[in-house]
Amino acid sequence: MRDKQPCWILRTEATECCWKMAGRKVLIVYAHQEPKSLNGALKTVAVEELSKQGCTVTVSDLYAMQFEPRATRNDIVDCLHNSDEFNYGVETWEAYKRGGLSNDLIEEQKKVQEADLLIFQFPLYWFSMPAIMKGWMDRVLVQGFAHEFPNCYDSGLLKNKLALFSFTTGGSKEMYAKGGINGDTRYLLWPMQHGIMHFCGVKVLEPHICFAPEYVSEEKRKEMLLAWAQRLKTLWKEEPINCSPEWYFK
């Protein structure tokens, strides 16, 4: 009787991929009120597909969490650095250094710190992210944690992480073309991808955009979900975009 081969020799290409991905951590910051929405389905597909790869996936469902988007004095739980004149940026910076931020911020920062990849899933509102997600950016990515001049852009404090913006639009792809009425989507991504993520040192993958899901057939929406699942299968092989003004405004 032939000796059995060692199990590592029997790895298929698929299991090899999963083996390499095991241990990767993903944080999905999700902002939509309705779980049955396409955004909700895109979030679920990401959780399922990345989990199959052996990744540990955490979801911050901002609406379900009733996440507080307002940046206020309540974000500092102990005494203020300067009680005479409140400066949010200075106060959160000082509070972060001494461990004086509110528990919800500490929890989200822990999720970010542990993640290899950040996925932001949302519907495009007024050419930007929903207010609740912008509030997450404002409150979580404080100075000292995500950036600290001159440690910004390529030397930002989150420089070993990847980010991907996945979102839906109300308008068609043609409306968001360079010659379209809304302008190139890359213009809209400048403040989100470059001004926030790249500023904090995060490397950014190509965005994933589902155009006008409300105005297409059910079959087309299924195709959108399949395309997202297919992309996720090879996501870790992708190269980040060239984080420079030329990528956005060429």
C-alpha atoms as a PDB file:
ATOM      1  CA  MET A   1       0.000   0.000   0.000  1.00  0.00           C
ATOM      2  CA  ARG A   2       1.426   3.398  -1.041  1.00  0.00           C
ATOM      3  CA  ASP A   3       2.198   5.920   1.658  1.00  0.00           C
ATOM      4  CA  LYS A   4      -0.179   8.837   1.773  1.00  0.00           C
ATOM      5  CA  GLN A   5       1.220  12.109   0.485  1.00  0.00           C
ATOM      6  CA  PRO A   6       1.625  14.914   3.017  1.00  0.00           C
ATOM      7  CA  CYS A   7      -1.499  17.061   3.117  1.00  0.00           C
ATOM      8  CA  TRP A   8       0.391  20.163   1.981  1.00  0.00           C
ATOM      9  CA  ILE A   9       1.198  18.528  -1.347  1.00  0.00           C
ATOM     10  CA  LEU A  10      -2.492  17.966  -1.988  1.00  0.00           C
ATOM     11  CA  ARG A  11      -3.443  21.623  -1.831  1.00  0.00           C
ATOM     12  CA  THR A  12      -5.400  22.777  -4.847  1.00  0.00           C
ATOM     13  CA  GLU A  13      -5.027  26.275  -6.258  1.00  0.00           C
ATOM     14  CA  ALA A  14      -8.258  27.295  -4.511  1.00  0.00           C
ATOM     15  CA  THR A  15      -7.239  25.983  -1.105  1.00  0.00           C
ATOM     16  CA  GLU A  16      -3.794  27.516  -1.544  1.00  0.00           C
ATOM     17  CA  CYS A  17      -5.437  30.905  -2.071  1.00  0.00           C
ATOM     18  CA  CYS A  18      -7.602  30.497   1.047  1.00  0.00           C
ATOM     19  CA  TRP A  19      -4.574  29.350   3.024  1.00  0.00           C
ATOM     20  CA  LYS A  20      -2.695  32.520   2.105  1.00  0.00           C
ATOM     21  CA  MET A  21      -5.676  34.737   2.917  1.00  0.00           C
ATOM     22  CA  ALA A  22      -6.294  33.155   6.322  1.00  0.00           C
ATOM     23  CA  GLY A  23      -5.514  35.666   8.991  1.00  0.00           C
ATOM     24  CA  ARG A  24      -6.391  38.712   6.889  1.00  0.00           C
ATOM     25  CA  LYS A  25      -8.810  41.049   8.634  1.00  0.00           C
ATOM     26  CA  VAL A  26     -11.431  43.179   6.928  1.00  0.00           C
ATOM     27  CA  LEU A  27     -13.577  45.972   8.344  1.00  0.00           C
ATOM     28  CA  ILE A  28     -16.707  46.896   6.391  1.00  0.00           C
ATOM     29  CA  VAL A  29     -18.088  50.302   7.339  1.00  0.00           C
ATOM     30  CA  TYR A  30     -21.651  50.113   6.073  1.00  0.00           C
ATOM     31  CA  ALA A  31     -24.160  52.956   5.822  1.00  0.00           C
ATOM     32  CA  HIS A  32     -27.660  52.126   4.621  1.00  0.00           C
ATOM     33  CA  GLN A  33     -30.961  52.131   6.464  1.00  0.00           C
ATOM     34  CA  GLU A  34     -32.453  49.107   4.679  1.00  0.00           C
ATOM     35  CA  PRO A  35     -30.894  45.616   4.878  1.00  0.00           C
ATOM     36  CA  LYS A  36     -32.872  44.563   1.775  1.00  0.00           C
ATOM     37  CA  SER A  37     -31.291  47.305  -0.339  1.00  0.00           C
ATOM     38  CA  LEU A  38     -28.634  46.624  -2.961  1.00  0.00           C
ATOM     39  CA  ASN A  39     -26.097  48.163  -0.580  1.00  0.00           C
ATOM     40  CA  GLY A  40     -27.225  45.654   2.026  1.00  0.00           C
ATOM     41  CA  ALA A  41     -26.828  42.827  -0.481  1.00  0.00           C
ATOM     42  CA  LEU A  42     -23.371  44.069  -1.518  1.00  0.00           C
ATOM     43  CA  LYS A  43     -22.326  44.108   2.133  1.00  0.00           C
ATOM     44  CA  THR A  44     -23.610  40.546   2.620  1.00  0.00           C
ATOM     45  CA  VAL A  45     -21.813  39.312  -0.496  1.00  0.00           C
ATOM     46  CA  ALA A  46     -18.559  40.827   0.781  1.00  0.00           C
ATOM     47  CA  VAL A  47     -18.946  39.188   4.196  1.00  0.00           C
ATOM     48  CA  GLU A  48     -19.691  35.791   2.659  1.00  0.00           C
ATOM     49  CA  GLU A  49     -17.016  35.833  -0.033  1.00  0.00           C
ATOM     50  CA  LEU A  50     -14.201  37.171   2.141  1.00  0.00           C
ATOM     51  CA  SER A  51     -15.122  34.756   4.932  1.00  0.00           C
ATOM     52  CA  LYS A  52     -14.851  31.874   2.449  1.00  0.00           C
ATOM     53  CA  GLN A  53     -11.295  33.024   1.769  1.00  0.00           C
ATOM     54  CA  GLY A  54     -10.450  32.629   5.435  1.00  0.00           C
ATOM     55  CA  CYS A  55     -10.584  36.330   6.256  1.00  0.00           C
ATOM     56  CA  THR A  56     -11.981  37.622   9.522  1.00  0.00           C
ATOM     57  CA  VAL A  57     -14.700  40.126   8.602  1.00  0.00           C
ATOM     58  CA  THR A  58     -16.122  42.746  10.959  1.00  0.00           C
ATOM     59  CA  VAL A  59     -19.036  45.012  10.018  1.00  0.00           C
ATOM     60  CA  SER A  60     -19.743  48.426  11.511  1.00  0.00           C
ATOM     61  CA  ASP A  61     -23.407  48.855  10.539  1.00  0.00           C
ATOM     62  CA  LEU A  62     -23.650  52.554  11.321  1.00  0.00           C
ATOM     63  CA  TYR A  63     -27.437  52.931  11.208  1.00  0.00           C
ATOM     64  CA  ALA A  64     -28.034  49.759  13.216  1.00  0.00           C
ATOM     65  CA  MET A  65     -25.449  50.944  15.749  1.00  0.00           C
ATOM     66  CA  GLN A  66     -27.118  54.359  15.866  1.00  0.00           C
ATOM     67  CA  PHE A  67     -23.629  55.741  15.437  1.00  0.00           C
ATOM     68  CA  GLU A  68     -23.338  59.352  16.569  1.00  0.00           C
ATOM     69  CA  PRO A  69     -22.085  61.398  13.580  1.00  0.00           C
ATOM     70  CA  ARG A  70     -21.653  64.697  15.436  1.00  0.00           C
ATOM     71  CA  ALA A  71     -18.198  65.678  16.633  1.00  0.00           C
ATOM     72  CA  THR A  72     -18.819  67.206  20.075  1.00  0.00           C
ATOM     73  CA  ARG A  73     -17.323  67.648  23.526  1.00  0.00           C
ATOM     74  CA  ASN A  74     -18.925  64.320  24.462  1.00  0.00           C
ATOM     75  CA  ASP A  75     -16.132  62.572  22.540  1.00  0.00           C
ATOM     76  CA  ILE A  76     -13.766  63.494  25.377  1.00  0.00           C
ATOM     77  CA  VAL A  77     -14.724  61.683  28.574  1.00  0.00           C
ATOM     78  CA  ASP A  78     -12.261  63.256  30.990  1.00  0.00           C
ATOM     79  CA  CYS A  79     -11.121  66.828  31.523  1.00  0.00           C
ATOM     80  CA  LEU A  80     -10.447  69.107  28.562  1.00  0.00           C
ATOM     81  CA  HIS A  81      -6.960  70.200  27.588  1.00  0.00           C
ATOM     82  CA  ASN A  82      -8.225  73.783  27.313  1.00  0.00           C
ATOM     83  CA  SER A  83     -11.555  74.361  29.024  1.00  0.00           C
ATOM     84  CA  ASP A  84     -11.602  78.053  28.089  1.00  0.00           C
ATOM     85  CA  GLU A  85     -11.790  77.557  24.315  1.00  0.00           C
ATOM     86  CA  PHE A  86     -12.931  74.265  22.797  1.00  0.00           C
ATOM     87  CA  ASN A  87     -10.979  73.073  19.736  1.00  0.00           C
ATOM     88  CA  TYR A  88     -12.212  69.639  18.628  1.00  0.00           C
ATOM     89  CA  GLY A  89      -9.062  68.673  16.727  1.00  0.00           C
ATOM     90  CA  VAL A  90      -6.742  69.602  19.581  1.00  0.00           C
ATOM     91  CA  GLU A  91      -8.962  68.086  22.269  1.00  0.00           C
ATOM     92  CA  THR A  92      -9.382  64.719  20.536  1.00  0.00           C
ATOM     93  CA  TRP A  93      -5.656  64.607  19.782  1.00  0.00           C
ATOM     94  CA  GLU A  94      -4.811  65.183  23.436  1.00  0.00           C
ATOM     95  CA  ALA A  95      -7.551  62.785  24.586  1.00  0.00           C
ATOM     96  CA  TYR A  96      -6.291  60.051  22.252  1.00  0.00           C
ATOM     97  CA  LYS A  97      -2.789  60.341  23.694  1.00  0.00           C
ATOM     98  CA  ARG A  98      -4.005  59.977  27.273  1.00  0.00           C
ATOM     99  CA  GLY A  99      -6.770  57.422  26.568  1.00  0.00           C
ATOM    100  CA  GLY A 100      -9.577  59.885  27.158  1.00  0.00           C
ATOM    101  CA  LEU A 101     -11.777  59.342  24.082  1.00  0.00           C
ATOM    102  CA  SER A 102     -15.328  58.011  24.367  1.00  0.00           C
ATOM    103  CA  ASN A 103     -15.804  54.231  24.247  1.00  0.00           C
ATOM    104  CA  ASP A 104     -17.506  54.193  20.838  1.00  0.00           C
ATOM    105  CA  LEU A 105     -14.483  55.875  19.254  1.00  0.00           C
ATOM    106  CA  ILE A 106     -12.027  53.586  21.004  1.00  0.00           C
ATOM    107  CA  GLU A 107     -13.975  50.563  19.733  1.00  0.00           C
ATOM    108  CA  GLU A 108     -14.006  51.779  16.121  1.00  0.00           C
ATOM    109  CA  GLN A 109     -10.326  52.712  16.233  1.00  0.00           C
ATOM    110  CA  LYS A 110      -9.535  49.203  17.460  1.00  0.00           C
ATOM    111  CA  LYS A 111     -11.400  47.756  14.470  1.00  0.00           C
ATOM    112  CA  VAL A 112      -9.469  50.016  12.092  1.00  0.00           C
ATOM    113  CA  GLN A 113      -6.147  49.241  13.729  1.00  0.00           C
ATOM    114  CA  GLU A 114      -6.684  45.486  13.376  1.00  0.00           C
ATOM    115  CA  ALA A 115      -7.925  45.610   9.766  1.00  0.00           C
ATOM    116  CA  ASP A 116      -5.799  44.949   6.701  1.00  0.00           C
ATOM    117  CA  LEU A 117      -8.595  46.192   4.431  1.00  0.00           C
ATOM    118  CA  LEU A 118     -11.311  48.802   4.951  1.00  0.00           C
ATOM    119  CA  ILE A 119     -14.391  48.573   2.719  1.00  0.00           C
ATOM    120  CA  PHE A 120     -16.811  51.501   2.745  1.00  0.00           C
ATOM    121  CA  GLN A 121     -20.256  50.477   1.479  1.00  0.00           C
ATOM    122  CA  PHE A 122     -22.824  53.240   0.926  1.00  0.00           C
ATOM    123  CA  PRO A 123     -25.189  55.030  -1.460  1.00  0.00           C
ATOM    124  CA  LEU A 124     -23.820  58.236  -2.960  1.00  0.00           C
ATOM    125  CA  TYR A 125     -25.595  61.237  -1.387  1.00  0.00           C
ATOM    126  CA  TRP A 126     -25.149  64.664  -2.973  1.00  0.00           C
ATOM    127  CA  PHE A 127     -21.860  63.642  -4.610  1.00  0.00           C
ATOM    128  CA  SER A 128     -20.505  62.329  -1.299  1.00  0.00           C
ATOM    129  CA  MET A 129     -20.948  59.725   1.428  1.00  0.00           C
ATOM    130  CA  PRO A 130     -23.964  59.811   3.802  1.00  0.00           C
ATOM    131  CA  ALA A 131     -23.614  62.119   6.807  1.00  0.00           C
ATOM    132  CA  ILE A 132     -23.433  59.199   9.231  1.00  0.00           C
ATOM    133  CA  MET A 133     -20.374  57.828   7.411  1.00  0.00           C
ATOM    134  CA  LYS A 134     -18.747  61.253   7.162  1.00  0.00           C
ATOM    135  CA  GLY A 135     -19.311  61.551  10.908  1.00  0.00           C
ATOM    136  CA  TRP A 136     -17.509  58.231  11.350  1.00  0.00           C
ATOM    137  CA  MET A 137     -14.560  59.660   9.420  1.00  0.00           C
ATOM    138  CA  ASP A 138     -14.615  62.905  11.438  1.00  0.00           C
ATOM    139  CA  ARG A 139     -14.748  61.213  14.830  1.00  0.00           C
ATOM    140  CA  VAL A 140     -12.725  58.019  14.369  1.00  0.00           C
ATOM    141  CA  LEU A 141      -9.780  59.192  12.268  1.00  0.00           C
ATOM    142  CA  VAL A 142      -8.435  61.668  14.808  1.00  0.00           C
ATOM    143  CA  GLN A 143      -4.976  63.182  14.906  1.00  0.00           C
ATOM    144  CA  GLY A 144      -2.517  60.930  16.670  1.00  0.00           C
ATOM    145  CA  PHE A 145      -4.400  57.817  15.575  1.00  0.00           C
ATOM    146  CA  ALA A 146      -4.701  58.193  11.786  1.00  0.00           C
ATOM    147  CA  HIS A 147      -2.402  61.122  11.012  1.00  0.00           C
ATOM    148  CA  GLU A 148      -0.017  63.486  12.724  1.00  0.00           C
ATOM    149  CA  PHE A 149       1.814  66.092  10.659  1.00  0.00           C
ATOM    150  CA  PRO A 150       4.243  65.594   9.005  1.00  0.00           C
ATOM    151  CA  ASN A 151       3.093  61.951   9.029  1.00  0.00           C
ATOM    152  CA  CYS A 152       0.415  62.192   6.370  1.00  0.00           C
ATOM    153  CA  TYR A 153      -0.213  60.925   2.829  1.00  0.00           C
ATOM    154  CA  ASP A 154       2.447  58.284   2.051  1.00  0.00           C
ATOM    155  CA  SER A 155       3.723  58.438   5.631  1.00  0.00           C
ATOM    156  CA  GLY A 156       0.280  58.554   7.260  1.00  0.00           C
ATOM    157  CA  LEU A 157      -0.159  56.521  10.412  1.00  0.00           C
ATOM    158  CA  LEU A 158      -2.410  53.961   8.670  1.00  0.00           C
ATOM    159  CA  LYS A 159       0.042  53.369   5.821  1.00  0.00           C
ATOM    160  CA  ASN A 160      -0.030  49.562   5.971  1.00  0.00           C
ATOM    161  CA  LYS A 161      -3.729  49.311   5.141  1.00  0.00           C
ATOM    162  CA  LEU A 162      -5.889  49.107   2.028  1.00  0.00           C
ATOM    163  CA  ALA A 163      -9.247  50.805   1.422  1.00  0.00           C
ATOM    164  CA  LEU A 164     -11.999  50.302  -1.141  1.00  0.00           C
ATOM    165  CA  PHE A 165     -15.035  52.517  -1.683  1.00  0.00           C
ATOM    166  CA  SER A 166     -18.040  50.512  -2.903  1.00  0.00           C
ATOM    167  CA  PHE A 167     -21.140  52.562  -3.581  1.00  0.00           C
ATOM    168  CA  THR A 168     -24.332  52.952  -5.575  1.00  0.00           C
ATOM    169  CA  THR A 169     -25.476  55.995  -7.514  1.00  0.00           C
ATOM    170  CA  GLY A 170     -28.826  57.464  -8.481  1.00  0.00           C
ATOM    171  CA  GLY A 171     -27.608  58.405 -11.956  1.00  0.00           C
ATOM    172  CA  SER A 172     -26.478  56.288 -14.875  1.00  0.00           C
ATOM    173  CA  LYS A 173     -22.883  55.559 -15.843  1.00  0.00           C
ATOM    174  CA  GLU A 174     -23.212  57.999 -18.740  1.00  0.00           C
ATOM    175  CA  MET A 175     -24.182  60.796 -16.352  1.00  0.00           C
ATOM    176  CA  TYR A 176     -20.971  60.214 -14.400  1.00  0.00           C
ATOM    177  CA  ALA A 177     -18.692  60.075 -17.432  1.00  0.00           C
ATOM    178  CA  LYS A 178     -16.095  62.775 -18.010  1.00  0.00           C
ATOM    179  CA  GLY A 179     -18.378  64.543 -20.455  1.00  0.00           C
ATOM    180  CA  GLY A 180     -21.555  63.728 -18.547  1.00  0.00           C
ATOM    181  CA  ILE A 181     -23.741  66.174 -16.660  1.00  0.00           C
ATOM    182  CA  ASN A 182     -22.431  65.016 -13.247  1.00  0.00           C
ATOM    183  CA  GLY A 183     -18.788  64.928 -14.276  1.00  0.00           C
ATOM    184  CA  ASP A 184     -16.302  62.094 -13.900  1.00  0.00           C
ATOM    185  CA  THR A 185     -16.801  60.036 -10.719  1.00  0.00           C
ATOM    186  CA  ARG A 186     -13.077  60.432 -10.104  1.00  0.00           C
ATOM    187  CA  TYR A 187     -13.693  64.099  -9.301  1.00  0.00           C
ATOM    188  CA  LEU A 188     -16.123  63.057  -6.563  1.00  0.00           C
ATOM    189  CA  LEU A 189     -13.678  60.521  -5.166  1.00  0.00           C
ATOM    190  CA  TRP A 190     -10.909  63.082  -4.679  1.00  0.00           C
ATOM    191  CA  PRO A 191     -12.034  64.258  -1.204  1.00  0.00           C
ATOM    192  CA  MET A 192     -12.965  60.755  -0.043  1.00  0.00           C
ATOM    193  CA  GLN A 193     -10.102  58.657  -1.373  1.00  0.00           C
ATOM    194  CA  HIS A 194      -7.345  61.259  -1.455  1.00  0.00           C
ATOM    195  CA  GLY A 195      -8.370  63.797   1.180  1.00  0.00           C
ATOM    196  CA  ILE A 196      -9.252  61.202   3.827  1.00  0.00           C
ATOM    197  CA  MET A 197      -7.821  57.754   3.094  1.00  0.00           C
ATOM    198  CA  HIS A 198      -4.593  58.709   1.334  1.00  0.00           C
ATOM    199  CA  PHE A 199      -4.040  61.550   3.801  1.00  0.00           C
ATOM    200  CA  CYS A 200      -4.018  58.916   6.549  1.00  0.00           C
ATOM    201  CA  GLY A 201      -1.534  56.803   4.577  1.00  0.00           C
ATOM    202  CA  VAL A 202      -4.039  54.180   3.408  1.00  0.00           C
ATOM    203  CA  LYS A 203      -3.467  52.707  -0.042  1.00  0.00           C
ATOM    204  CA  VAL A 204      -6.631  52.850  -2.160  1.00  0.00           C
ATOM    205  CA  LEU A 205      -7.980  50.217  -4.537  1.00  0.00           C
ATOM    206  CA  GLU A 206     -10.138  51.057  -7.551  1.00  0.00           C
ATOM    207  CA  PRO A 207     -13.662  51.964  -6.416  1.00  0.00           C
ATOM    208  CA  HIS A 208     -16.531  49.586  -7.075  1.00  0.00           C
ATOM    209  CA  ILE A 209     -19.543  51.449  -8.432  1.00  0.00           C
ATOM    210  CA  CYS A 210     -23.056  50.167  -9.124  1.00  0.00           C
ATOM    211  CA  PHE A 211     -24.770  52.745 -11.288  1.00  0.00           C
ATOM    212  CA  ALA A 212     -28.494  53.507 -10.899  1.00  0.00           C
ATOM    213  CA  PRO A 213     -29.628  50.182  -9.371  1.00  0.00           C
ATOM    214  CA  GLU A 214     -33.123  51.580  -8.771  1.00  0.00           C
ATOM    215  CA  TYR A 215     -33.684  52.004 -12.504  1.00  0.00           C
ATOM    216  CA  VAL A 216     -32.470  48.673 -13.835  1.00  0.00           C
ATOM    217  CA  SER A 217     -34.045  45.217 -13.966  1.00  0.00           C
ATOM    218  CA  GLU A 218     -33.824  42.623 -11.212  1.00  0.00           C
ATOM    219  CA  GLU A 219     -31.630  40.582 -13.515  1.00  0.00           C
ATOM    220  CA  LYS A 220     -29.224  43.486 -13.882  1.00  0.00           C
ATOM    221  CA  ARG A 221     -29.041  43.922 -10.096  1.00  0.00           C
ATOM    222  CA  LYS A 222     -28.185  40.227  -9.780  1.00  0.00           C
ATOM    223  CA  GLU A 223     -25.414  40.765 -12.305  1.00  0.00           C
ATOM    224  CA  MET A 224     -24.089  43.622 -10.161  1.00  0.00           C
ATOM    225  CA  LEU A 225     -23.892  41.306  -7.156  1.00  0.00           C
ATOM    226  CA  LEU A 226     -22.187  38.586  -9.170  1.00  0.00           C
ATOM    227  CA  ALA A 227     -19.639  41.070 -10.517  1.00  0.00           C
ATOM    228  CA  TRP A 228     -18.845  42.193  -6.964  1.00  0.00           C
ATOM    229  CA  ALA A 229     -18.452  38.602  -5.768  1.00  0.00           C
ATOM    230  CA  GLN A 230     -16.185  37.845  -8.719  1.00  0.00           C
ATOM    231  CA  ARG A 231     -13.990  40.855  -8.021  1.00  0.00           C
ATOM    232  CA  LEU A 232     -13.652  39.914  -4.363  1.00  0.00           C
ATOM    233  CA  LYS A 233     -12.224  36.513  -5.352  1.00  0.00           C
ATOM    234  CA  THR A 234      -9.065  38.190  -6.677  1.00  0.00           C
ATOM    235  CA  LEU A 235      -9.141  41.393  -4.638  1.00  0.00           C
ATOM    236  CA  TRP A 236      -5.891  40.704  -2.802  1.00  0.00           C
ATOM    237  CA  LYS A 237      -4.039  40.508  -6.102  1.00  0.00           C
ATOM    238  CA  GLU A 238      -5.036  44.044  -7.126  1.00  0.00           C
ATOM    239  CA  GLU A 239      -2.574  46.920  -7.152  1.00  0.00           C
ATOM    240  CA  PRO A 240      -3.609  50.190  -5.483  1.00  0.00           C
ATOM    241  CA  ILE A 241      -4.331  53.180  -7.680  1.00  0.00           C
ATOM    242  CA  ASN A 242      -1.704  55.840  -8.232  1.00  0.00           C
ATOM    243  CA  CYS A 243      -2.613  58.188  -5.388  1.00  0.00           C
ATOM    244  CA  SER A 244      -1.798  61.412  -7.185  1.00  0.00           C
ATOM    245  CA  PRO A 245      -3.836  64.304  -8.610  1.00  0.00           C
ATOM    246  CA  GLU A 246      -3.183  62.929 -12.110  1.00  0.00           C
ATOM    247  CA  TRP A 247      -5.295  59.823 -11.416  1.00  0.00           C
ATOM    248  CA  TYR A 248      -8.301  61.977 -10.523  1.00  0.00           C
ATOM    249  CA  PHE A 249      -7.998  64.871 -12.950  1.00  0.00           C
ATOM    250  CA  LYS A 250      -6.192  63.541 -16.007  1.00  0.00           C
END
